[in-house]
């Protein structure tokens, strides 16, 4: 305990951040958010289109089957892009 009448020094010099502290902080920029949300939106839309064709088209033609396959492939690629974006951001 401090004696009455003595002052306590409350000013402390800040400690420098170590390399591990700096690596623990990941910043998400507006550009990253825009790219990630765009990829997410395109992925969801192509997945919805593929599901719509698969569920609601009674007798799909070859063109409808091809469109469904294309949408399914784009949805898979979009999912892979999202995983890659998040993985790349985690590495930085």
C-alpha atoms as a PDB file:
ATOM      1  CA  UNK A   1       0.000   0.000   0.000  1.00  0.00           C
ATOM      2  CA  UNK A   2       1.167   3.515  -0.575  1.00  0.00           C
ATOM      3  CA  UNK A   3       1.851   5.756   2.355  1.00  0.00           C
ATOM      4  CA  UNK A   4      -0.460   8.734   2.720  1.00  0.00           C
ATOM      5  CA  UNK A   5       1.099  11.799   1.262  1.00  0.00           C
ATOM      6  CA  UNK A   6       3.141   9.939  -1.342  1.00  0.00           C
ATOM      7  CA  UNK A   7       2.206  10.039  -4.978  1.00  0.00           C
ATOM      8  CA  UNK A   8       1.817   6.981  -7.127  1.00  0.00           C
ATOM      9  CA  UNK A   9       3.305   7.101 -10.626  1.00  0.00           C
ATOM     10  CA  UNK A  10       0.457   6.100 -12.944  1.00  0.00           C
ATOM     11  CA  UNK A  11       2.300   6.895 -16.154  1.00  0.00           C
ATOM     12  CA  UNK A  12       3.677   3.783 -17.714  1.00  0.00           C
ATOM     13  CA  UNK A  13       5.475   3.487 -20.989  1.00  0.00           C
ATOM     14  CA  UNK A  14       3.600   1.353 -23.504  1.00  0.00           C
ATOM     15  CA  UNK A  15       5.251  -1.893 -24.446  1.00  0.00           C
ATOM     16  CA  UNK A  16       6.091  -2.587 -28.063  1.00  0.00           C
ATOM     17  CA  UNK A  17       3.926  -5.152 -29.829  1.00  0.00           C
ATOM     18  CA  UNK A  18       5.681  -8.362 -30.641  1.00  0.00           C
ATOM     19  CA  UNK A  19       5.563 -10.070 -34.015  1.00  0.00           C
ATOM     20  CA  UNK A  20       3.060 -12.637 -32.755  1.00  0.00           C
ATOM     21  CA  UNK A  21       0.690  -9.888 -31.578  1.00  0.00           C
ATOM     22  CA  UNK A  22       0.787  -8.222 -34.991  1.00  0.00           C
ATOM     23  CA  UNK A  23       0.124 -11.512 -36.768  1.00  0.00           C
ATOM     24  CA  UNK A  24      -2.955 -12.198 -34.655  1.00  0.00           C
ATOM     25  CA  UNK A  25      -4.798  -9.181 -36.064  1.00  0.00           C
ATOM     26  CA  UNK A  26      -6.469  -9.649 -39.437  1.00  0.00           C
ATOM     27  CA  UNK A  27      -7.984  -6.610 -41.065  1.00  0.00           C
ATOM     28  CA  UNK A  28     -10.829  -6.932 -43.516  1.00  0.00           C
ATOM     29  CA  UNK A  29     -10.871  -4.107 -46.026  1.00  0.00           C
ATOM     30  CA  UNK A  30     -13.863  -2.800 -47.916  1.00  0.00           C
ATOM     31  CA  UNK A  31     -12.419  -4.226 -51.130  1.00  0.00           C
ATOM     32  CA  UNK A  32     -12.225  -7.726 -49.625  1.00  0.00           C
ATOM     33  CA  UNK A  33     -15.802  -7.440 -48.366  1.00  0.00           C
ATOM     34  CA  UNK A  34     -17.004  -6.379 -51.813  1.00  0.00           C
ATOM     35  CA  UNK A  35     -15.250  -9.260 -53.561  1.00  0.00           C
ATOM     36  CA  UNK A  36     -16.348 -11.826 -50.970  1.00  0.00           C
ATOM     37  CA  UNK A  37     -19.982 -10.693 -50.997  1.00  0.00           C
ATOM     38  CA  UNK A  38     -20.023 -10.632 -54.801  1.00  0.00           C
ATOM     39  CA  UNK A  39     -18.705 -14.191 -54.995  1.00  0.00           C
ATOM     40  CA  UNK A  40     -21.201 -15.266 -52.328  1.00  0.00           C
ATOM     41  CA  UNK A  41     -24.106 -13.664 -54.187  1.00  0.00           C
ATOM     42  CA  UNK A  42     -23.164 -15.245 -57.511  1.00  0.00           C
ATOM     43  CA  UNK A  43     -22.731 -18.627 -55.801  1.00  0.00           C
ATOM     44  CA  UNK A  44     -26.133 -18.457 -54.116  1.00  0.00           C
ATOM     45  CA  UNK A  45     -27.873 -17.316 -57.307  1.00  0.00           C
ATOM     46  CA  UNK A  46     -26.369 -20.078 -59.440  1.00  0.00           C
ATOM     47  CA  UNK A  47     -27.179 -22.669 -56.791  1.00  0.00           C
ATOM     48  CA  UNK A  48     -30.763 -21.388 -56.624  1.00  0.00           C
ATOM     49  CA  UNK A  49     -31.059 -21.509 -60.420  1.00  0.00           C
ATOM     50  CA  UNK A  50     -29.750 -25.067 -60.488  1.00  0.00           C
ATOM     51  CA  UNK A  51     -32.174 -26.134 -57.767  1.00  0.00           C
ATOM     52  CA  UNK A  52     -35.075 -24.344 -59.482  1.00  0.00           C
ATOM     53  CA  UNK A  53     -34.445 -26.140 -62.757  1.00  0.00           C
ATOM     54  CA  UNK A  54     -34.029 -29.470 -60.988  1.00  0.00           C
ATOM     55  CA  UNK A  55     -37.171 -29.168 -58.882  1.00  0.00           C
ATOM     56  CA  UNK A  56     -39.724 -27.229 -60.941  1.00  0.00           C
ATOM     57  CA  UNK A  57     -39.026 -28.248 -64.540  1.00  0.00           C
ATOM     58  CA  UNK A  58     -41.122 -31.360 -65.134  1.00  0.00           C
ATOM     59  CA  UNK A  59     -39.482 -32.650 -68.320  1.00  0.00           C
ATOM     60  CA  UNK A  60     -36.192 -30.832 -68.773  1.00  0.00           C
ATOM     61  CA  UNK A  61     -34.814 -30.533 -72.278  1.00  0.00           C
ATOM     62  CA  UNK A  62     -31.144 -30.974 -73.090  1.00  0.00           C
ATOM     63  CA  UNK A  63     -30.716 -27.209 -72.842  1.00  0.00           C
ATOM     64  CA  UNK A  64     -32.278 -27.190 -69.365  1.00  0.00           C
ATOM     65  CA  UNK A  65     -30.047 -30.074 -68.260  1.00  0.00           C
ATOM     66  CA  UNK A  66     -27.020 -28.268 -69.613  1.00  0.00           C
ATOM     67  CA  UNK A  67     -28.034 -25.051 -67.825  1.00  0.00           C
ATOM     68  CA  UNK A  68     -28.522 -26.970 -64.580  1.00  0.00           C
ATOM     69  CA  UNK A  69     -25.091 -28.580 -64.899  1.00  0.00           C
ATOM     70  CA  UNK A  70     -23.496 -25.220 -65.657  1.00  0.00           C
ATOM     71  CA  UNK A  71     -25.162 -23.589 -62.657  1.00  0.00           C
ATOM     72  CA  UNK A  72     -24.107 -26.472 -60.439  1.00  0.00           C
ATOM     73  CA  UNK A  73     -20.498 -26.172 -61.643  1.00  0.00           C
ATOM     74  CA  UNK A  74     -20.513 -22.406 -61.064  1.00  0.00           C
ATOM     75  CA  UNK A  75     -21.866 -22.924 -57.549  1.00  0.00           C
ATOM     76  CA  UNK A  76     -19.056 -25.389 -56.807  1.00  0.00           C
ATOM     77  CA  UNK A  77     -16.467 -22.976 -58.188  1.00  0.00           C
ATOM     78  CA  UNK A  78     -17.948 -20.143 -56.131  1.00  0.00           C
ATOM     79  CA  UNK A  79     -17.720 -22.206 -52.976  1.00  0.00           C
ATOM     80  CA  UNK A  80     -14.097 -22.960 -53.762  1.00  0.00           C
ATOM     81  CA  UNK A  81     -13.431 -19.263 -54.354  1.00  0.00           C
ATOM     82  CA  UNK A  82     -14.952 -18.365 -50.974  1.00  0.00           C
ATOM     83  CA  UNK A  83     -12.794 -20.957 -49.214  1.00  0.00           C
ATOM     84  CA  UNK A  84      -9.744 -19.636 -51.057  1.00  0.00           C
ATOM     85  CA  UNK A  85     -10.506 -16.036 -50.167  1.00  0.00           C
ATOM     86  CA  UNK A  86     -10.961 -16.876 -46.499  1.00  0.00           C
ATOM     87  CA  UNK A  87      -7.868 -19.072 -46.458  1.00  0.00           C
ATOM     88  CA  UNK A  88      -5.788 -16.399 -48.134  1.00  0.00           C
ATOM     89  CA  UNK A  89      -7.012 -13.809 -45.657  1.00  0.00           C
ATOM     90  CA  UNK A  90      -6.217 -16.087 -42.720  1.00  0.00           C
ATOM     91  CA  UNK A  91      -2.654 -16.597 -43.976  1.00  0.00           C
ATOM     92  CA  UNK A  92      -2.005 -12.855 -44.201  1.00  0.00           C
END
